N, C-alpha and C. Protein backbone atom coordinates (compact mmCIF):
# COMPACT_ATOMS: atom_id res chain seq x y z
N UNK A 1 -9.07 3.07 -10.71
CA UNK A 1 -7.41 3.48 -10.66
C UNK A 1 -6.66 2.22 -10.95
N UNK A 2 -5.63 2.22 -11.42
CA UNK A 2 -4.86 1.07 -11.63
C UNK A 2 -4.09 0.19 -10.50
N UNK A 3 -3.89 1.25 -9.58
CA UNK A 3 -2.92 0.74 -8.62
C UNK A 3 -3.89 1.18 -7.47
N UNK A 4 -4.16 0.20 -6.70
CA UNK A 4 -4.55 0.05 -5.45
C UNK A 4 -4.37 -0.12 -4.24
N UNK A 5 -3.84 0.34 -3.24
CA UNK A 5 -3.34 -0.17 -1.54
C UNK A 5 -4.50 -0.35 -0.80
N UNK A 6 -4.02 -1.58 -0.22
CA UNK A 6 -5.15 -1.58 0.83
C UNK A 6 -4.09 -1.89 2.31
N UNK A 7 -4.91 -1.54 2.94
CA UNK A 7 -4.41 -1.24 4.64
C UNK A 7 -5.63 -1.78 5.16
N UNK A 8 -5.35 -2.90 5.41
CA UNK A 8 -6.04 -3.82 6.69
C UNK A 8 -5.69 -3.66 8.04
N UNK A 9 -6.66 -2.80 8.91
CA UNK A 9 -6.93 -2.37 10.10
C UNK A 9 -5.56 -1.88 10.57
N UNK A 10 -5.28 -0.31 9.90
CA UNK A 10 -4.19 0.26 10.22
C UNK A 10 -4.01 0.71 11.84
N UNK A 11 -3.12 1.18 12.39
CA UNK A 11 -3.13 0.99 13.54
C UNK A 11 -2.86 2.52 14.10
N UNK A 12 -1.37 2.81 13.42
CA UNK A 12 -0.64 4.36 13.43
C UNK A 12 -1.07 5.24 12.64
N UNK A 13 -1.31 6.45 12.59
CA UNK A 13 -2.19 7.31 11.63
C UNK A 13 -1.03 8.26 10.99
N UNK A 14 0.01 7.96 11.82
CA UNK A 14 1.35 8.65 10.86
C UNK A 14 1.81 8.11 9.59
N UNK A 15 1.74 6.53 10.09
CA UNK A 15 1.57 5.56 8.42
C UNK A 15 0.83 5.92 7.67
N UNK A 16 -0.51 5.84 8.16
CA UNK A 16 -1.74 5.91 7.06
C UNK A 16 -1.63 7.21 6.44
N UNK A 17 -1.24 8.43 7.16
CA UNK A 17 -1.25 9.77 6.55
C UNK A 17 -0.27 9.62 5.42
N UNK A 18 1.43 8.96 5.78
CA UNK A 18 2.16 9.06 4.64
C UNK A 18 1.66 8.20 3.65
N UNK A 19 1.38 7.08 3.55
CA UNK A 19 0.54 6.24 2.99
C UNK A 19 -0.01 6.97 1.90
N UNK A 20 -1.18 8.02 2.54
CA UNK A 20 -2.07 8.77 1.81
C UNK A 20 -1.22 9.57 0.80
N UNK A 21 -0.31 10.33 1.32
CA UNK A 21 0.65 11.13 0.41
C UNK A 21 1.24 10.27 -0.75
N UNK A 22 1.47 9.43 -0.41
CA UNK A 22 2.24 8.19 -1.65
C UNK A 22 1.51 8.14 -2.49
N UNK A 23 0.24 7.53 -2.04
CA UNK A 23 -1.00 7.30 -3.20
C UNK A 23 -1.30 8.55 -4.05
N UNK A 24 -1.56 9.77 -3.28
CA UNK A 24 -1.83 11.08 -3.85
C UNK A 24 -0.72 11.33 -5.14
N UNK A 25 0.49 11.31 -4.90
CA UNK A 25 1.90 11.77 -5.70
C UNK A 25 1.87 10.37 -6.57
N UNK A 26 1.25 9.45 -6.56
CA UNK A 26 1.64 8.59 -7.81
C UNK A 26 0.12 8.20 -8.42
N UNK A 27 -0.71 8.81 -8.25
CA UNK A 27 -2.13 8.31 -8.42
C UNK A 27 -2.84 7.35 -8.02
N UNK A 28 -2.32 6.44 -6.94
CA UNK A 28 -3.12 5.38 -6.65
C UNK A 28 -4.26 5.30 -5.73
N UNK A 29 -5.23 4.46 -5.67
CA UNK A 29 -6.46 4.42 -4.78
C UNK A 29 -6.01 3.95 -3.36
N UNK A 30 -6.72 4.63 -2.37
CA UNK A 30 -6.35 4.05 -0.79
C UNK A 30 -7.51 3.48 -0.67
N UNK A 31 -7.39 2.02 -0.08
CA UNK A 31 -8.44 1.29 0.47
C UNK A 31 -8.54 0.99 1.77
N UNK A 32 -9.13 1.44 2.68
CA UNK A 32 -8.87 1.47 4.30
C UNK A 32 -9.83 0.33 4.88
N UNK A 33 -9.41 -0.70 5.45
CA UNK A 33 -10.20 -1.74 5.89
C UNK A 33 -10.43 -1.60 7.62
N UNK A 34 -11.60 -1.66 8.02
CA UNK A 34 -11.53 -1.05 9.76
C UNK A 34 -11.98 -2.66 10.33
N UNK A 35 -11.54 -2.54 11.52
CA UNK A 35 -11.55 -1.24 12.53
C UNK A 35 -10.13 -0.57 12.05
N UNK A 36 -9.97 0.87 11.99
CA UNK A 36 -8.94 1.49 12.12
C UNK A 36 -8.71 1.89 13.91
N UNK A 37 -7.46 1.90 13.85
CA UNK A 37 -6.71 2.06 14.97
C UNK A 37 -6.69 3.82 15.39
N UNK A 38 -6.98 4.64 14.65
CA UNK A 38 -7.58 5.85 15.08
C UNK A 38 -8.65 6.08 14.43
N UNK A 39 -9.25 7.66 14.92
CA UNK A 39 -9.77 8.21 13.70
C UNK A 39 -9.47 9.31 12.94
N UNK A 40 -10.41 8.85 11.42
CA UNK A 40 -10.02 9.37 10.40
C UNK A 40 -9.55 11.02 10.40
N UNK A 41 -10.14 11.39 11.12
CA UNK A 41 -9.79 13.08 11.28
C UNK A 41 -8.83 13.11 12.33
N UNK A 42 -7.87 12.39 13.08
CA UNK A 42 -6.86 12.69 13.74
C UNK A 42 -5.65 13.39 13.08
N UNK A 43 -5.54 14.59 13.88
CA UNK A 43 -4.57 15.53 13.34
C UNK A 43 -3.21 14.75 13.04
N UNK A 44 -2.52 13.96 13.28
CA UNK A 44 -1.52 12.76 12.99
C UNK A 44 -1.69 12.79 11.55
N UNK A 45 -2.93 12.27 11.67
CA UNK A 45 -3.31 11.46 10.30
C UNK A 45 -2.98 12.81 9.35
N UNK A 46 -3.80 13.81 9.54
CA UNK A 46 -3.78 14.94 8.63
C UNK A 46 -2.48 15.72 8.47
N UNK A 47 -1.68 15.61 9.01
CA UNK A 47 -0.45 16.23 9.37
C UNK A 47 0.43 15.40 8.59
N UNK A 48 0.68 14.20 8.63
CA UNK A 48 1.41 13.53 7.75
C UNK A 48 1.12 13.32 6.39
N UNK A 49 -0.26 13.49 6.17
CA UNK A 49 -0.35 13.68 4.55
C UNK A 49 -0.78 15.02 4.06
N UNK A 50 -0.25 15.67 4.80
CA UNK A 50 -0.32 17.42 4.20
C UNK A 50 -1.39 17.60 3.76
N UNK A 51 -1.27 18.54 2.46
CA UNK A 51 -2.57 18.95 1.91
C UNK A 51 -2.99 18.04 0.91
N UNK A 52 -2.81 16.97 0.52
CA UNK A 52 -2.95 15.87 -0.48
C UNK A 52 -4.37 15.25 -0.36
N UNK A 53 -5.33 15.55 0.74
CA UNK A 53 -5.95 14.53 1.02
C UNK A 53 -7.43 14.77 0.19
N UNK A 54 -7.39 15.97 -0.55
CA UNK A 54 -8.20 16.20 -1.58
C UNK A 54 -7.66 15.80 -3.02
N UNK A 55 -6.65 15.19 -3.09
CA UNK A 55 -6.34 14.78 -4.30
C UNK A 55 -6.02 13.03 -4.21
N UNK A 56 -7.10 12.29 -3.47
CA UNK A 56 -6.63 11.19 -2.84
C UNK A 56 -8.46 10.36 -3.13
N UNK A 57 -7.94 9.00 -3.59
CA UNK A 57 -9.34 8.28 -4.28
C UNK A 57 -8.89 7.22 -2.79
N UNK A 58 -10.38 7.47 -2.03
CA UNK A 58 -9.92 6.58 -0.81
C UNK A 58 -11.41 5.87 -0.90
N UNK A 59 -11.44 4.78 -0.37
CA UNK A 59 -12.60 3.99 -0.22
C UNK A 59 -12.56 2.94 1.16
N UNK A 60 -13.72 2.68 2.19
CA UNK A 60 -13.62 2.05 3.29
C UNK A 60 -14.40 1.16 3.32
N UNK A 61 -13.77 0.17 3.86
CA UNK A 61 -14.60 -0.94 4.20
C UNK A 61 -14.91 -1.58 5.57
N UNK A 62 -15.87 -2.20 5.96
CA UNK A 62 -16.22 -2.25 7.22
C UNK A 62 -15.72 -3.86 7.73
N UNK A 63 -15.09 -4.47 6.94
CA UNK A 63 -14.27 -5.54 7.43
C UNK A 63 -13.00 -6.21 6.42
N UNK A 64 -12.37 -7.34 6.62
CA UNK A 64 -11.57 -7.65 5.57
C UNK A 64 -12.59 -8.82 4.71
N UNK A 65 -13.79 -9.54 5.33
CA UNK A 65 -14.37 -10.13 4.86
C UNK A 65 -14.97 -9.21 3.26
N UNK A 66 -15.68 -7.73 4.32
CA UNK A 66 -16.31 -7.09 3.26
C UNK A 66 -15.50 -6.71 1.96
N UNK A 67 -14.06 -6.07 2.18
CA UNK A 67 -13.03 -5.93 1.31
C UNK A 67 -13.29 -6.73 -0.06
N UNK A 68 -12.66 -8.31 0.73
CA UNK A 68 -12.72 -9.62 -0.15
C UNK A 68 -13.96 -9.49 -0.93
N UNK A 69 -14.88 -9.62 -0.64
CA UNK A 69 -16.04 -9.75 -1.10
C UNK A 69 -16.10 -9.06 -2.26
N UNK A 70 -16.27 -7.48 -1.94
CA UNK A 70 -16.59 -6.33 -2.70
C UNK A 70 -15.62 -6.55 -3.89
N UNK A 71 -14.21 -7.22 -3.81
CA UNK A 71 -13.29 -7.08 -4.72
C UNK A 71 -12.84 -8.67 -5.29
N UNK A 72 -13.54 -9.19 -5.00
CA UNK A 72 -13.45 -10.83 -5.21
C UNK A 72 -12.61 -11.24 -6.82
N UNK A 73 -13.30 -10.58 -7.71
CA UNK A 73 -12.58 -10.83 -9.28
C UNK A 73 -11.47 -9.73 -9.40
N UNK A 74 -10.83 -9.34 -8.53
CA UNK A 74 -9.52 -8.47 -8.74
C UNK A 74 -8.29 -9.19 -8.25
N UNK A 75 -7.18 -8.62 -9.15
CA UNK A 75 -5.63 -9.51 -8.57
C UNK A 75 -5.29 -8.74 -7.57
N UNK A 76 -5.01 -9.83 -6.50
CA UNK A 76 -4.60 -8.94 -5.50
C UNK A 76 -2.98 -9.71 -5.03
N UNK A 77 -2.28 -8.76 -4.32
CA UNK A 77 -0.85 -9.45 -3.66
C UNK A 77 -0.68 -9.24 -2.28
N UNK A 78 -0.61 -10.16 -1.71
CA UNK A 78 -0.61 -10.11 -0.22
C UNK A 78 0.85 -9.77 0.65
N UNK A 79 1.30 -8.57 0.59
CA UNK A 79 2.62 -8.43 1.18
C UNK A 79 2.67 -8.94 2.81
N UNK A 80 3.58 -9.61 3.10
CA UNK A 80 4.04 -10.13 4.51
C UNK A 80 5.24 -10.67 4.64
N UNK A 81 5.95 -10.51 5.72
CA UNK A 81 7.28 -11.10 5.89
C UNK A 81 7.32 -12.71 5.85
N UNK A 82 6.40 -13.48 5.61
CA UNK A 82 6.23 -14.76 5.88
C UNK A 82 6.35 -15.66 4.37
N UNK A 83 6.28 -14.91 3.21
CA UNK A 83 6.02 -15.24 1.95
C UNK A 83 7.15 -15.77 1.49
N UNK A 84 7.35 -16.98 0.30
CA UNK A 84 8.51 -17.56 0.07
C UNK A 84 9.04 -16.46 -1.09
N UNK A 85 8.48 -15.89 -1.93
CA UNK A 85 9.10 -15.39 -2.71
C UNK A 85 9.00 -13.79 -2.62
N UNK A 86 9.92 -12.98 -3.56
CA UNK A 86 10.20 -11.65 -3.54
C UNK A 86 9.15 -10.88 -3.96
N UNK A 87 8.92 -9.82 -3.65
CA UNK A 87 7.57 -9.28 -4.48
C UNK A 87 8.32 -8.59 -5.55
N UNK A 88 9.54 -8.37 -6.16
CA UNK A 88 10.36 -8.43 -7.69
C UNK A 88 10.19 -9.59 -8.20
N UNK A 89 9.81 -10.80 -8.07
CA UNK A 89 9.63 -11.92 -8.58
C UNK A 89 8.22 -12.16 -9.39
N UNK A 90 7.42 -11.10 -9.11
CA UNK A 90 5.86 -11.56 -9.99
C UNK A 90 5.95 -10.08 -10.97
N UNK A 91 5.30 -10.42 -11.90
CA UNK A 91 4.49 -9.46 -13.02
C UNK A 91 3.40 -8.51 -12.59
N UNK A 92 3.30 -7.39 -12.13
CA UNK A 92 2.22 -6.89 -11.57
C UNK A 92 1.25 -6.47 -12.81
N UNK A 93 -0.14 -6.95 -12.89
CA UNK A 93 -0.91 -6.28 -14.00
C UNK A 93 -1.46 -4.96 -13.71
N UNK A 94 -2.06 -4.88 -14.90
CA UNK A 94 -2.31 -3.33 -15.23
C UNK A 94 -3.10 -2.94 -14.03
N UNK A 95 -4.07 -3.45 -13.75
CA UNK A 95 -4.97 -3.27 -12.64
C UNK A 95 -4.55 -4.48 -11.60
N UNK A 96 -4.28 -3.46 -10.30
CA UNK A 96 -3.67 -4.54 -9.12
C UNK A 96 -4.21 -4.03 -7.70
N UNK A 97 -4.36 -5.07 -7.03
CA UNK A 97 -4.50 -4.60 -5.22
C UNK A 97 -3.59 -4.68 -4.66
N UNK A 98 -2.65 -4.17 -3.90
CA UNK A 98 -1.39 -4.53 -3.28
C UNK A 98 -1.77 -4.55 -1.50
N UNK A 99 -1.85 -5.69 -0.82
CA UNK A 99 -2.97 -5.88 0.24
C UNK A 99 -1.84 -6.03 1.66
N UNK A 100 -1.81 -4.77 2.47
CA UNK A 100 -0.91 -4.91 3.39
C UNK A 100 -1.95 -5.12 5.12
N UNK A 101 -0.96 -5.98 5.66
CA UNK A 101 -1.86 -5.98 7.30
C UNK A 101 -1.90 -4.82 8.28
N UNK A 102 -2.07 -5.06 9.39
CA UNK A 102 -1.80 -4.05 10.52
C UNK A 102 -0.42 -4.08 10.93
N UNK A 103 0.15 -2.88 11.57
CA UNK A 103 1.43 -3.06 12.00
C UNK A 103 1.84 -4.02 12.95
N UNK A 104 1.23 -4.13 13.91
CA UNK A 104 1.67 -5.48 14.99
C UNK A 104 1.48 -6.63 14.48
N UNK A 105 0.69 -6.92 13.59
CA UNK A 105 0.34 -8.51 13.13
C UNK A 105 0.25 -8.83 11.88
N UNK A 106 0.42 -8.09 11.09
CA UNK A 106 0.28 -8.37 9.22
C UNK A 106 -0.73 -8.62 9.13
N UNK A 107 -1.26 -9.41 7.98
CA UNK A 107 -2.38 -10.06 7.80
C UNK A 107 -2.47 -11.61 8.29
N UNK A 108 -3.63 -11.89 8.43
CA UNK A 108 -4.14 -13.03 9.10
C UNK A 108 -3.82 -14.19 8.22
N UNK A 109 -3.06 -15.13 9.13
CA UNK A 109 -2.61 -16.55 8.25
C UNK A 109 -3.12 -16.99 7.36
N UNK A 110 -4.46 -17.01 7.85
CA UNK A 110 -5.59 -18.13 7.34
C UNK A 110 -5.50 -17.46 5.90
N UNK A 111 -5.67 -16.03 5.54
CA UNK A 111 -5.51 -15.79 4.30
C UNK A 111 -4.40 -15.80 3.41
N UNK A 112 -3.33 -15.77 4.38
CA UNK A 112 -1.94 -15.95 3.16
C UNK A 112 -1.96 -17.54 3.13
N UNK A 113 -1.99 -18.52 3.81
CA UNK A 113 -2.10 -19.72 3.61
C UNK A 113 -3.32 -20.15 2.23
N UNK A 114 -4.47 -19.72 2.01
CA UNK A 114 -5.10 -19.83 1.15
C UNK A 114 -5.02 -19.20 0.15
N UNK A 115 -3.77 -18.46 -0.23
CA UNK A 115 -3.60 -17.86 -1.34
C UNK A 115 -1.92 -17.48 -1.79
N UNK A 116 -1.36 -18.88 -1.42
CA UNK A 116 0.13 -18.23 -1.55
C UNK A 116 0.86 -18.28 -2.74
N UNK A 117 -0.03 -18.35 -4.05
CA UNK A 117 0.83 -17.93 -5.24
C UNK A 117 0.49 -16.12 -5.35
N UNK A 118 -0.37 -15.32 -4.15
CA UNK A 118 -0.61 -14.29 -4.08
C UNK A 118 0.48 -13.62 -3.39
N UNK A 119 1.00 -14.37 -2.24
CA UNK A 119 1.90 -13.81 -1.38
C UNK A 119 3.30 -13.38 -1.52
N UNK A 120 3.71 -12.35 -1.49
CA UNK A 120 5.07 -11.73 -1.70
C UNK A 120 5.54 -11.25 -0.16
N UNK A 121 6.95 -10.90 -0.40
CA UNK A 121 7.91 -10.32 0.73
C UNK A 121 8.83 -9.53 0.10
N UNK A 122 9.22 -8.39 1.07
CA UNK A 122 10.33 -7.58 0.72
C UNK A 122 11.59 -8.39 1.59
N UNK A 123 12.27 -8.40 0.91
CA UNK A 123 13.58 -9.50 1.78
C UNK A 123 14.33 -8.22 2.53
N UNK A 124 14.67 -8.99 3.74
CA UNK A 124 15.69 -8.17 4.70
C UNK A 124 16.35 -9.16 5.81
N UNK A 125 16.67 -8.78 6.94
CA UNK A 125 17.63 -9.64 7.70
C UNK A 125 16.79 -10.42 8.24
N UNK A 126 17.42 -11.51 8.71
CA UNK A 126 16.41 -12.44 9.50
C UNK A 126 16.40 -11.79 10.75
N UNK A 127 17.36 -11.07 11.45
CA UNK A 127 16.78 -10.86 12.73
C UNK A 127 16.20 -9.69 13.10
N UNK A 128 15.28 -9.08 12.23
CA UNK A 128 14.40 -8.10 12.38
C UNK A 128 12.93 -8.64 11.82
N UNK A 129 11.91 -7.79 12.52
CA UNK A 129 10.47 -8.27 12.75
C UNK A 129 9.86 -7.91 10.85
N UNK A 130 10.09 -6.52 10.81
CA UNK A 130 9.92 -6.10 9.60
C UNK A 130 9.92 -4.50 9.58
N UNK A 131 9.68 -4.28 8.07
CA UNK A 131 10.00 -2.57 7.77
C UNK A 131 8.84 -1.87 8.67
N UNK A 132 8.88 -0.52 8.32
CA UNK A 132 7.49 0.30 8.72
C UNK A 132 6.85 0.18 7.40
N UNK A 133 5.32 -0.08 7.58
CA UNK A 133 4.29 -0.04 6.72
C UNK A 133 4.38 1.11 6.01
N UNK A 134 4.54 2.14 5.97
CA UNK A 134 4.40 3.12 4.91
C UNK A 134 5.75 3.11 4.16
N UNK A 135 6.41 2.71 4.63
CA UNK A 135 8.07 2.27 3.55
C UNK A 135 7.65 1.23 2.62
N UNK A 136 7.15 0.10 3.27
CA UNK A 136 6.81 -1.29 2.59
C UNK A 136 5.96 -1.06 1.55
N UNK A 137 4.97 -0.01 2.01
CA UNK A 137 4.09 0.53 0.71
C UNK A 137 4.48 1.10 -0.37
N UNK A 138 5.92 2.47 0.02
CA UNK A 138 6.42 2.78 -1.23
C UNK A 138 7.20 2.18 -1.81
N UNK A 139 7.90 0.98 -1.40
CA UNK A 139 8.61 -0.13 -2.17
C UNK A 139 7.69 -0.68 -3.23
N UNK A 140 6.55 -1.28 -2.89
CA UNK A 140 5.99 -2.24 -3.37
C UNK A 140 5.19 -0.98 -4.69
N UNK A 141 4.66 0.07 -4.54
CA UNK A 141 4.17 1.10 -5.01
C UNK A 141 5.13 1.38 -6.50
N UNK A 142 6.15 1.38 -5.91
CA UNK A 142 7.46 1.88 -6.75
C UNK A 142 7.47 0.74 -7.59
N UNK A 143 8.01 -0.32 -7.03
CA UNK A 143 8.04 -1.63 -7.87
C UNK A 143 6.96 -1.79 -9.00
N UNK A 144 5.91 -1.36 -8.61
CA UNK A 144 4.63 -1.57 -9.76
C UNK A 144 5.14 -0.86 -11.04
N UNK A 145 5.28 0.73 -10.39
CA UNK A 145 5.55 1.46 -11.34
C UNK A 145 6.97 1.58 -12.09
N UNK A 146 7.86 0.97 -11.49
CA UNK A 146 9.08 0.77 -12.37
C UNK A 146 8.74 -0.62 -13.43
N UNK A 147 8.00 -1.64 -13.07
CA UNK A 147 8.03 -2.59 -14.06
C UNK A 147 6.79 -1.84 -15.10
N UNK A 148 6.12 -0.87 -15.33
CA UNK A 148 5.26 0.12 -15.96
C UNK A 148 6.29 1.29 -16.75
N UNK A 149 7.35 1.23 -16.39
CA UNK A 149 8.32 2.40 -17.15
C UNK A 149 7.67 3.80 -16.12
N UNK A 150 7.47 3.54 -15.38
CA UNK A 150 6.81 4.77 -14.44
C UNK A 150 5.71 5.83 -15.01
N UNK A 151 5.17 4.82 -16.04
CA UNK A 151 3.64 5.77 -16.92
C UNK A 151 3.25 6.55 -16.20
N UNK A 152 3.00 7.56 -16.89
CA UNK A 152 1.80 8.94 -16.31
C UNK A 152 2.75 9.59 -15.48
N UNK A 153 3.97 9.31 -14.77
CA UNK A 153 4.46 10.17 -14.05
C UNK A 153 5.54 11.29 -14.81
N UNK A 154 5.86 12.24 -13.77
CA UNK A 154 6.83 13.23 -14.61
C UNK A 154 8.24 12.81 -14.58
N UNK A 155 8.43 13.32 -15.68
CA UNK A 155 9.61 12.81 -15.98
C UNK A 155 10.77 13.12 -16.14
N UNK A 156 10.64 14.51 -15.70
CA UNK A 156 12.02 15.27 -15.61
C UNK A 156 11.84 16.06 -13.91
N UNK A 157 12.96 16.60 -13.21
CA UNK A 157 13.32 17.19 -12.40
C UNK A 157 13.36 18.81 -12.60
N UNK A 158 12.69 19.30 -11.84
CA UNK A 158 12.95 21.07 -12.30
C UNK A 158 13.53 21.48 -10.92
N UNK A 159 14.64 22.47 -11.39
CA UNK A 159 14.98 23.25 -9.91
C UNK A 159 14.02 24.45 -9.56
N UNK A 160 14.26 24.85 -8.68
CA UNK A 160 13.41 26.25 -8.64
C UNK A 160 13.68 27.43 -9.05
N UNK A 161 15.01 28.01 -8.72
CA UNK A 161 15.79 28.74 -9.51
C UNK A 161 16.64 28.66 -10.70
N UNK A 162 17.05 27.34 -10.82
CA UNK A 162 17.74 27.19 -12.00
C UNK A 162 17.29 26.29 -12.91
N UNK A 163 17.81 26.33 -14.24
CA UNK A 163 17.54 24.98 -15.12
C UNK A 163 18.91 24.47 -15.48
N UNK A 164 18.35 23.31 -15.45
CA UNK A 164 19.50 21.91 -15.53
C UNK A 164 20.02 21.96 -16.78
């Protein structure tokens, strides 16, 4: 898959379920880095993802180090509230890994410090800590898709009972 969403140690099952649904809807792969803050069969996780689980390409990793080692030759962008440039300021390559940290702490600062050119943020007011993780993933995914003119996605909206 060309768009890869990476969640490092996600803690809230509903967020991960919503992100899984977004990934399924746009054809992105989901990568989950352990430890997870929930069981993968958690009913809240399943409910948030609805009936899209069978349409999802998902990969699990034992740790952040495991993920980084197995994907060391991939292009990655690390989403953080601490980055100096906005997510819209970078051109996303055809194959990209978009990496998010856990809800309570984000990504490790050592990782961010070692990769300043790969760190991006979603602009927001100074007085707030961060956006919801599933909302942040949706913003990021749709920026990548926008840069690609939404290639491969449905181009028309259809009404159920009527025609436009």
